[in-house]
């Protein structure tokens, strides 16, 4: 049952994302049909610089619905069930997660929180517990298999697995959902594990579509002040 670290990979995104967003924005303000404009976009007749300037300017105005036409798909692995319980609360998204019913967890990987790793006694107790969890899982699965449960023994043995259990998940979000996700999960007050994943996702998005994702990140960074209120502010930015 080894300790494991998070990995985030961008698997795919909508082709020609800037041009598609530019076309969607233009349709909102253009009297004609954007389908007639599309060949000029794909042939490069409308320079990328012009598209980028237009999209950035409209984004600053707060008009964001056209960016929903573009989506990004990520493979996220080596993260805890505690993280994915938070992740799936972002509802306008698609998720495909590794199943504990079908995947044998006899040699379960687990996530080690930094605060526990830094405390020798806490780490010793934590790792001792993880070993016991592994033994309990294997023992229960074996007993159920001997009782004739066969393959389905995993679905009951998994009840002993902790939130620290490592999992893998594929996530697809559109740009607007991603910006909302980054506002909440890049915040200093977000839980450390999902904040690290969110920051990596934001970096990957910015590499592909800076015109949209340069506007991404914690809300305080965009606003220049903290909207969390006196009770919840981290103190990084002033309150309004």
C-alpha atoms as a PDB file:
ATOM      1  CA  UNK A   1       0.000   0.000   0.000  1.00  0.00           C
ATOM      2  CA  UNK A   2       2.401   2.708  -1.156  1.00  0.00           C
ATOM      3  CA  UNK A   3       2.033   6.473  -0.844  1.00  0.00           C
ATOM      4  CA  UNK A   4       1.209   8.161  -4.163  1.00  0.00           C
ATOM      5  CA  UNK A   5       1.224  11.674  -5.655  1.00  0.00           C
ATOM      6  CA  UNK A   6      -1.301  13.452  -7.854  1.00  0.00           C
ATOM      7  CA  UNK A   7      -0.907  13.588 -11.623  1.00  0.00           C
ATOM      8  CA  UNK A   8      -2.961  15.832 -13.942  1.00  0.00           C
ATOM      9  CA  UNK A   9      -2.874  15.464 -17.717  1.00  0.00           C
ATOM     10  CA  UNK A  10      -4.858  17.376 -20.338  1.00  0.00           C
ATOM     11  CA  UNK A  11      -6.229  14.660 -22.631  1.00  0.00           C
ATOM     12  CA  UNK A  12      -8.140  16.766 -25.140  1.00  0.00           C
ATOM     13  CA  UNK A  13      -9.954  20.004 -25.766  1.00  0.00           C
ATOM     14  CA  UNK A  14     -12.363  21.356 -28.370  1.00  0.00           C
ATOM     15  CA  UNK A  15     -10.471  21.978 -31.647  1.00  0.00           C
ATOM     16  CA  UNK A  16      -9.792  25.602 -32.599  1.00  0.00           C
ATOM     17  CA  UNK A  17     -11.117  26.816 -29.241  1.00  0.00           C
ATOM     18  CA  UNK A  18     -10.335  30.500 -29.762  1.00  0.00           C
ATOM     19  CA  UNK A  19     -11.987  30.606 -33.196  1.00  0.00           C
ATOM     20  CA  UNK A  20     -15.069  28.804 -31.921  1.00  0.00           C
ATOM     21  CA  UNK A  21     -15.452  31.213 -29.006  1.00  0.00           C
ATOM     22  CA  UNK A  22     -14.838  34.178 -31.304  1.00  0.00           C
ATOM     23  CA  UNK A  23     -17.546  32.916 -33.660  1.00  0.00           C
ATOM     24  CA  UNK A  24     -19.997  32.362 -30.803  1.00  0.00           C
ATOM     25  CA  UNK A  25     -19.359  35.851 -29.422  1.00  0.00           C
ATOM     26  CA  UNK A  26     -19.683  37.434 -32.853  1.00  0.00           C
ATOM     27  CA  UNK A  27     -23.025  35.718 -33.438  1.00  0.00           C
ATOM     28  CA  UNK A  28     -24.380  37.588 -30.418  1.00  0.00           C
ATOM     29  CA  UNK A  29     -23.477  40.962 -31.949  1.00  0.00           C
ATOM     30  CA  UNK A  30     -23.448  40.210 -35.691  1.00  0.00           C
ATOM     31  CA  UNK A  31     -26.508  40.634 -37.938  1.00  0.00           C
ATOM     32  CA  UNK A  32     -25.446  37.869 -40.329  1.00  0.00           C
ATOM     33  CA  UNK A  33     -24.947  34.125 -39.968  1.00  0.00           C
ATOM     34  CA  UNK A  34     -21.759  33.075 -38.245  1.00  0.00           C
ATOM     35  CA  UNK A  35     -21.601  29.951 -40.427  1.00  0.00           C
ATOM     36  CA  UNK A  36     -20.669  32.238 -43.317  1.00  0.00           C
ATOM     37  CA  UNK A  37     -17.776  33.605 -41.244  1.00  0.00           C
ATOM     38  CA  UNK A  38     -16.435  30.203 -40.212  1.00  0.00           C
ATOM     39  CA  UNK A  39     -14.446  29.407 -43.403  1.00  0.00           C
ATOM     40  CA  UNK A  40     -12.565  32.705 -43.004  1.00  0.00           C
ATOM     41  CA  UNK A  41     -11.727  31.768 -39.407  1.00  0.00           C
ATOM     42  CA  UNK A  42     -10.486  28.285 -40.267  1.00  0.00           C
ATOM     43  CA  UNK A  43      -8.431  29.583 -43.220  1.00  0.00           C
ATOM     44  CA  UNK A  44      -6.705  32.202 -41.093  1.00  0.00           C
ATOM     45  CA  UNK A  45      -8.228  35.190 -42.881  1.00  0.00           C
ATOM     46  CA  UNK A  46      -9.177  36.684 -39.521  1.00  0.00           C
ATOM     47  CA  UNK A  47      -5.873  36.926 -37.629  1.00  0.00           C
ATOM     48  CA  UNK A  48      -5.602  35.180 -34.283  1.00  0.00           C
ATOM     49  CA  UNK A  49      -4.503  38.478 -32.731  1.00  0.00           C
ATOM     50  CA  UNK A  50      -7.794  40.100 -33.768  1.00  0.00           C
ATOM     51  CA  UNK A  51      -9.778  37.155 -32.386  1.00  0.00           C
ATOM     52  CA  UNK A  52      -7.833  37.226 -29.127  1.00  0.00           C
ATOM     53  CA  UNK A  53      -8.325  40.945 -28.641  1.00  0.00           C
ATOM     54  CA  UNK A  54     -12.057  40.688 -29.268  1.00  0.00           C
ATOM     55  CA  UNK A  55     -12.536  37.691 -26.924  1.00  0.00           C
ATOM     56  CA  UNK A  56     -10.467  39.249 -24.139  1.00  0.00           C
ATOM     57  CA  UNK A  57     -12.424  42.510 -24.356  1.00  0.00           C
ATOM     58  CA  UNK A  58     -15.796  40.749 -24.183  1.00  0.00           C
ATOM     59  CA  UNK A  59     -14.600  38.534 -21.320  1.00  0.00           C
ATOM     60  CA  UNK A  60     -13.751  41.655 -19.329  1.00  0.00           C
ATOM     61  CA  UNK A  61     -17.341  42.831 -19.760  1.00  0.00           C
ATOM     62  CA  UNK A  62     -18.635  39.753 -17.933  1.00  0.00           C
ATOM     63  CA  UNK A  63     -20.359  38.180 -20.949  1.00  0.00           C
ATOM     64  CA  UNK A  64     -19.300  34.565 -20.561  1.00  0.00           C
ATOM     65  CA  UNK A  65     -22.021  32.234 -21.893  1.00  0.00           C
ATOM     66  CA  UNK A  66     -20.391  31.711 -25.358  1.00  0.00           C
ATOM     67  CA  UNK A  67     -17.303  30.144 -23.782  1.00  0.00           C
ATOM     68  CA  UNK A  68     -19.489  27.186 -22.757  1.00  0.00           C
ATOM     69  CA  UNK A  69     -19.100  25.884 -26.323  1.00  0.00           C
ATOM     70  CA  UNK A  70     -15.488  24.867 -25.592  1.00  0.00           C
ATOM     71  CA  UNK A  71     -14.561  22.058 -23.210  1.00  0.00           C
ATOM     72  CA  UNK A  72     -11.408  20.506 -21.748  1.00  0.00           C
ATOM     73  CA  UNK A  73     -10.902  16.884 -20.674  1.00  0.00           C
ATOM     74  CA  UNK A  74      -8.411  15.919 -17.960  1.00  0.00           C
ATOM     75  CA  UNK A  75      -7.073  12.651 -16.591  1.00  0.00           C
ATOM     76  CA  UNK A  76      -6.520  13.067 -12.853  1.00  0.00           C
ATOM     77  CA  UNK A  77      -4.800  10.228 -11.029  1.00  0.00           C
ATOM     78  CA  UNK A  78      -3.181   9.514  -7.695  1.00  0.00           C
ATOM     79  CA  UNK A  79      -5.697  11.614  -5.779  1.00  0.00           C
ATOM     80  CA  UNK A  80      -7.775  10.723  -2.747  1.00  0.00           C
ATOM     81  CA  UNK A  81     -11.449   9.912  -2.514  1.00  0.00           C
ATOM     82  CA  UNK A  82     -11.623  12.975  -0.258  1.00  0.00           C
ATOM     83  CA  UNK A  83     -10.644  15.077  -3.281  1.00  0.00           C
ATOM     84  CA  UNK A  84     -13.105  13.484  -5.697  1.00  0.00           C
ATOM     85  CA  UNK A  85     -15.961  13.885  -3.193  1.00  0.00           C
ATOM     86  CA  UNK A  86     -15.288  17.632  -3.495  1.00  0.00           C
ATOM     87  CA  UNK A  87     -14.688  17.558  -7.243  1.00  0.00           C
ATOM     88  CA  UNK A  88     -18.025  15.988  -8.194  1.00  0.00           C
ATOM     89  CA  UNK A  89     -19.905  18.759  -6.378  1.00  0.00           C
ATOM     90  CA  UNK A  90     -19.147  20.850  -9.465  1.00  0.00           C
ATOM     91  CA  UNK A  91     -22.238  19.621 -11.280  1.00  0.00           C
ATOM     92  CA  UNK A  92     -21.950  20.964 -14.834  1.00  0.00           C
ATOM     93  CA  UNK A  93     -19.280  18.473 -15.794  1.00  0.00           C
ATOM     94  CA  UNK A  94     -18.793  14.857 -16.856  1.00  0.00           C
ATOM     95  CA  UNK A  95     -16.957  12.336 -14.685  1.00  0.00           C
ATOM     96  CA  UNK A  96     -15.687   8.791 -15.217  1.00  0.00           C
ATOM     97  CA  UNK A  97     -14.133   7.453 -12.013  1.00  0.00           C
ATOM     98  CA  UNK A  98     -12.288   4.256 -11.218  1.00  0.00           C
ATOM     99  CA  UNK A  99     -14.737   1.868  -9.567  1.00  0.00           C
ATOM    100  CA  UNK A 100     -13.967   0.258  -6.216  1.00  0.00           C
ATOM    101  CA  UNK A 101     -16.565  -2.404  -7.088  1.00  0.00           C
ATOM    102  CA  UNK A 102     -14.568  -3.664 -10.042  1.00  0.00           C
ATOM    103  CA  UNK A 103     -10.955  -2.713  -9.272  1.00  0.00           C
ATOM    104  CA  UNK A 104      -9.247  -4.881  -6.641  1.00  0.00           C
ATOM    105  CA  UNK A 105      -7.901  -2.683  -3.820  1.00  0.00           C
ATOM    106  CA  UNK A 106      -5.801  -5.359  -2.138  1.00  0.00           C
ATOM    107  CA  UNK A 107      -2.692  -3.258  -2.806  1.00  0.00           C
ATOM    108  CA  UNK A 108      -4.385   0.126  -2.426  1.00  0.00           C
ATOM    109  CA  UNK A 109      -2.281   3.237  -2.941  1.00  0.00           C
ATOM    110  CA  UNK A 110      -3.033   6.121  -0.611  1.00  0.00           C
ATOM    111  CA  UNK A 111      -2.520   9.879  -0.320  1.00  0.00           C
ATOM    112  CA  UNK A 112      -0.395  11.173   2.563  1.00  0.00           C
ATOM    113  CA  UNK A 113      -1.349  14.721   3.715  1.00  0.00           C
ATOM    114  CA  UNK A 114       1.716  17.002   4.079  1.00  0.00           C
ATOM    115  CA  UNK A 115       0.860  17.937   7.668  1.00  0.00           C
ATOM    116  CA  UNK A 116       0.865  14.261   8.644  1.00  0.00           C
ATOM    117  CA  UNK A 117       4.052  13.609   6.650  1.00  0.00           C
ATOM    118  CA  UNK A 118       5.796  16.398   8.574  1.00  0.00           C
ATOM    119  CA  UNK A 119       4.873  14.948  11.981  1.00  0.00           C
ATOM    120  CA  UNK A 120       6.870  11.785  12.659  1.00  0.00           C
ATOM    121  CA  UNK A 121       4.482  10.322  15.232  1.00  0.00           C
ATOM    122  CA  UNK A 122       1.385  11.192  13.207  1.00  0.00           C
ATOM    123  CA  UNK A 123       2.931   9.668  10.071  1.00  0.00           C
ATOM    124  CA  UNK A 124       3.846   6.475  11.899  1.00  0.00           C
ATOM    125  CA  UNK A 125       0.288   6.094  13.219  1.00  0.00           C
ATOM    126  CA  UNK A 126      -1.205   6.943   9.819  1.00  0.00           C
ATOM    127  CA  UNK A 127       0.907   4.403   7.943  1.00  0.00           C
ATOM    128  CA  UNK A 128       0.188   1.782  10.580  1.00  0.00           C
ATOM    129  CA  UNK A 129      -3.543   2.338  10.071  1.00  0.00           C
ATOM    130  CA  UNK A 130      -3.200   2.118   6.266  1.00  0.00           C
ATOM    131  CA  UNK A 131      -1.476  -1.246   6.614  1.00  0.00           C
ATOM    132  CA  UNK A 132      -4.281  -2.467   8.860  1.00  0.00           C
ATOM    133  CA  UNK A 133      -6.876  -1.270   6.341  1.00  0.00           C
ATOM    134  CA  UNK A 134      -5.107  -3.272   3.645  1.00  0.00           C
ATOM    135  CA  UNK A 135      -5.079  -6.388   5.800  1.00  0.00           C
ATOM    136  CA  UNK A 136      -8.748  -5.960   6.710  1.00  0.00           C
ATOM    137  CA  UNK A 137      -9.740  -5.501   3.062  1.00  0.00           C
ATOM    138  CA  UNK A 138      -7.830  -8.583   1.938  1.00  0.00           C
ATOM    139  CA  UNK A 139      -9.142 -10.706   4.822  1.00  0.00           C
ATOM    140  CA  UNK A 140     -12.776  -9.704   4.259  1.00  0.00           C
ATOM    141  CA  UNK A 141     -12.529 -10.191   0.504  1.00  0.00           C
ATOM    142  CA  UNK A 142     -10.998 -13.643   0.974  1.00  0.00           C
ATOM    143  CA  UNK A 143     -13.645 -14.677   3.532  1.00  0.00           C
ATOM    144  CA  UNK A 144     -16.448 -13.544   1.213  1.00  0.00           C
ATOM    145  CA  UNK A 145     -14.870 -15.348  -1.749  1.00  0.00           C
ATOM    146  CA  UNK A 146     -14.668 -18.519   0.337  1.00  0.00           C
ATOM    147  CA  UNK A 147     -18.340 -18.021   1.140  1.00  0.00           C
ATOM    148  CA  UNK A 148     -19.159 -18.136  -2.566  1.00  0.00           C
ATOM    149  CA  UNK A 149     -19.416 -14.399  -3.233  1.00  0.00           C
ATOM    150  CA  UNK A 150     -16.728 -14.551  -5.932  1.00  0.00           C
ATOM    151  CA  UNK A 151     -16.155 -11.327  -7.873  1.00  0.00           C
ATOM    152  CA  UNK A 152     -18.823  -9.417  -5.940  1.00  0.00           C
ATOM    153  CA  UNK A 153     -16.786  -9.745  -2.721  1.00  0.00           C
ATOM    154  CA  UNK A 154     -15.014  -6.503  -3.679  1.00  0.00           C
ATOM    155  CA  UNK A 155     -18.175  -4.412  -3.462  1.00  0.00           C
ATOM    156  CA  UNK A 156     -18.570  -5.222   0.244  1.00  0.00           C
ATOM    157  CA  UNK A 157     -14.896  -5.386   1.189  1.00  0.00           C
ATOM    158  CA  UNK A 158     -14.510  -1.811  -0.108  1.00  0.00           C
ATOM    159  CA  UNK A 159     -16.549  -0.487   2.847  1.00  0.00           C
ATOM    160  CA  UNK A 160     -13.384  -0.526   4.983  1.00  0.00           C
ATOM    161  CA  UNK A 161     -11.438   1.666   2.548  1.00  0.00           C
ATOM    162  CA  UNK A 162     -10.643   5.203   3.791  1.00  0.00           C
ATOM    163  CA  UNK A 163     -10.988   8.590   2.098  1.00  0.00           C
ATOM    164  CA  UNK A 164      -7.213   8.471   1.666  1.00  0.00           C
ATOM    165  CA  UNK A 165      -7.599   5.643  -0.862  1.00  0.00           C
ATOM    166  CA  UNK A 166      -6.122   6.655  -4.204  1.00  0.00           C
ATOM    167  CA  UNK A 167      -8.404   6.951  -7.211  1.00  0.00           C
ATOM    168  CA  UNK A 168      -8.265   7.979 -10.858  1.00  0.00           C
ATOM    169  CA  UNK A 169     -10.881  10.040 -12.681  1.00  0.00           C
ATOM    170  CA  UNK A 170     -11.509  11.579 -16.104  1.00  0.00           C
ATOM    171  CA  UNK A 171     -13.142  15.015 -15.974  1.00  0.00           C
ATOM    172  CA  UNK A 172     -14.642  17.147 -18.737  1.00  0.00           C
ATOM    173  CA  UNK A 173     -15.729  20.727 -18.083  1.00  0.00           C
ATOM    174  CA  UNK A 174     -16.625  23.605 -20.357  1.00  0.00           C
ATOM    175  CA  UNK A 175     -14.718  26.869 -20.015  1.00  0.00           C
ATOM    176  CA  UNK A 176     -17.354  28.629 -17.954  1.00  0.00           C
ATOM    177  CA  UNK A 177     -17.539  25.763 -15.473  1.00  0.00           C
ATOM    178  CA  UNK A 178     -13.752  25.685 -15.298  1.00  0.00           C
ATOM    179  CA  UNK A 179     -13.603  29.389 -14.431  1.00  0.00           C
ATOM    180  CA  UNK A 180     -16.117  28.809 -11.630  1.00  0.00           C
ATOM    181  CA  UNK A 181     -14.137  25.770 -10.454  1.00  0.00           C
ATOM    182  CA  UNK A 182     -10.922  27.803 -10.379  1.00  0.00           C
ATOM    183  CA  UNK A 183     -12.591  30.646  -8.472  1.00  0.00           C
ATOM    184  CA  UNK A 184     -13.432  28.268  -5.641  1.00  0.00           C
ATOM    185  CA  UNK A 185     -10.630  25.711  -5.707  1.00  0.00           C
ATOM    186  CA  UNK A 186      -7.610  27.927  -6.431  1.00  0.00           C
ATOM    187  CA  UNK A 187      -8.520  29.943  -3.341  1.00  0.00           C
ATOM    188  CA  UNK A 188      -6.051  29.785  -0.462  1.00  0.00           C
ATOM    189  CA  UNK A 189      -8.862  28.515   1.742  1.00  0.00           C
ATOM    190  CA  UNK A 190      -9.524  25.505  -0.499  1.00  0.00           C
ATOM    191  CA  UNK A 191      -8.337  22.114   0.746  1.00  0.00           C
ATOM    192  CA  UNK A 192      -4.660  21.654  -0.118  1.00  0.00           C
ATOM    193  CA  UNK A 193      -5.052  18.634  -2.397  1.00  0.00           C
ATOM    194  CA  UNK A 194      -7.801  19.951  -4.659  1.00  0.00           C
ATOM    195  CA  UNK A 195      -6.099  23.371  -4.718  1.00  0.00           C
ATOM    196  CA  UNK A 196      -2.961  21.761  -6.127  1.00  0.00           C
ATOM    197  CA  UNK A 197      -4.952  19.924  -8.791  1.00  0.00           C
ATOM    198  CA  UNK A 198      -6.912  23.082  -9.684  1.00  0.00           C
ATOM    199  CA  UNK A 199      -3.732  25.134 -10.048  1.00  0.00           C
ATOM    200  CA  UNK A 200      -2.271  22.530 -12.415  1.00  0.00           C
ATOM    201  CA  UNK A 201      -5.488  22.411 -14.465  1.00  0.00           C
ATOM    202  CA  UNK A 202      -5.483  26.220 -14.699  1.00  0.00           C
ATOM    203  CA  UNK A 203      -1.877  26.236 -15.923  1.00  0.00           C
ATOM    204  CA  UNK A 204      -2.707  23.677 -18.640  1.00  0.00           C
ATOM    205  CA  UNK A 205      -5.782  25.649 -19.713  1.00  0.00           C
ATOM    206  CA  UNK A 206      -3.799  28.879 -19.943  1.00  0.00           C
ATOM    207  CA  UNK A 207      -1.275  27.219 -22.249  1.00  0.00           C
ATOM    208  CA  UNK A 208      -4.078  26.422 -24.714  1.00  0.00           C
ATOM    209  CA  UNK A 209      -6.452  29.371 -24.306  1.00  0.00           C
ATOM    210  CA  UNK A 210      -4.885  32.310 -22.450  1.00  0.00           C
ATOM    211  CA  UNK A 211      -7.531  34.694 -23.828  1.00  0.00           C
ATOM    212  CA  UNK A 212     -10.054  33.034 -21.505  1.00  0.00           C
ATOM    213  CA  UNK A 213      -7.980  31.562 -18.704  1.00  0.00           C
ATOM    214  CA  UNK A 214      -5.837  34.582 -17.979  1.00  0.00           C
ATOM    215  CA  UNK A 215      -9.110  35.633 -16.317  1.00  0.00           C
ATOM    216  CA  UNK A 216      -9.067  32.427 -14.221  1.00  0.00           C
ATOM    217  CA  UNK A 217      -7.994  31.778 -10.659  1.00  0.00           C
ATOM    218  CA  UNK A 218      -9.197  32.653  -7.191  1.00  0.00           C
ATOM    219  CA  UNK A 219     -11.815  35.419  -7.171  1.00  0.00           C
ATOM    220  CA  UNK A 220      -9.627  37.687  -5.033  1.00  0.00           C
ATOM    221  CA  UNK A 221      -6.918  37.735  -7.714  1.00  0.00           C
ATOM    222  CA  UNK A 222      -9.390  38.988 -10.312  1.00  0.00           C
ATOM    223  CA  UNK A 223     -11.207  41.411  -8.024  1.00  0.00           C
ATOM    224  CA  UNK A 224      -8.234  42.753  -6.074  1.00  0.00           C
ATOM    225  CA  UNK A 225     -10.183  42.276  -2.840  1.00  0.00           C
ATOM    226  CA  UNK A 226     -11.451  39.305  -0.830  1.00  0.00           C
ATOM    227  CA  UNK A 227     -15.150  38.405  -1.233  1.00  0.00           C
ATOM    228  CA  UNK A 228     -15.045  35.762   1.532  1.00  0.00           C
ATOM    229  CA  UNK A 229     -15.988  38.164   4.315  1.00  0.00           C
ATOM    230  CA  UNK A 230     -14.300  38.876   7.630  1.00  0.00           C
ATOM    231  CA  UNK A 231     -14.925  35.390   9.042  1.00  0.00           C
ATOM    232  CA  UNK A 232     -13.429  33.434   6.155  1.00  0.00           C
ATOM    233  CA  UNK A 233     -10.800  35.700   4.608  1.00  0.00           C
ATOM    234  CA  UNK A 234      -7.228  34.434   4.493  1.00  0.00           C
ATOM    235  CA  UNK A 235      -5.964  38.008   4.722  1.00  0.00           C
ATOM    236  CA  UNK A 236      -4.157  37.883   1.398  1.00  0.00           C
ATOM    237  CA  UNK A 237      -6.321  40.663  -0.065  1.00  0.00           C
ATOM    238  CA  UNK A 238      -8.218  43.469   1.686  1.00  0.00           C
ATOM    239  CA  UNK A 239     -11.930  43.183   2.380  1.00  0.00           C
ATOM    240  CA  UNK A 240     -14.287  45.517   0.453  1.00  0.00           C
END
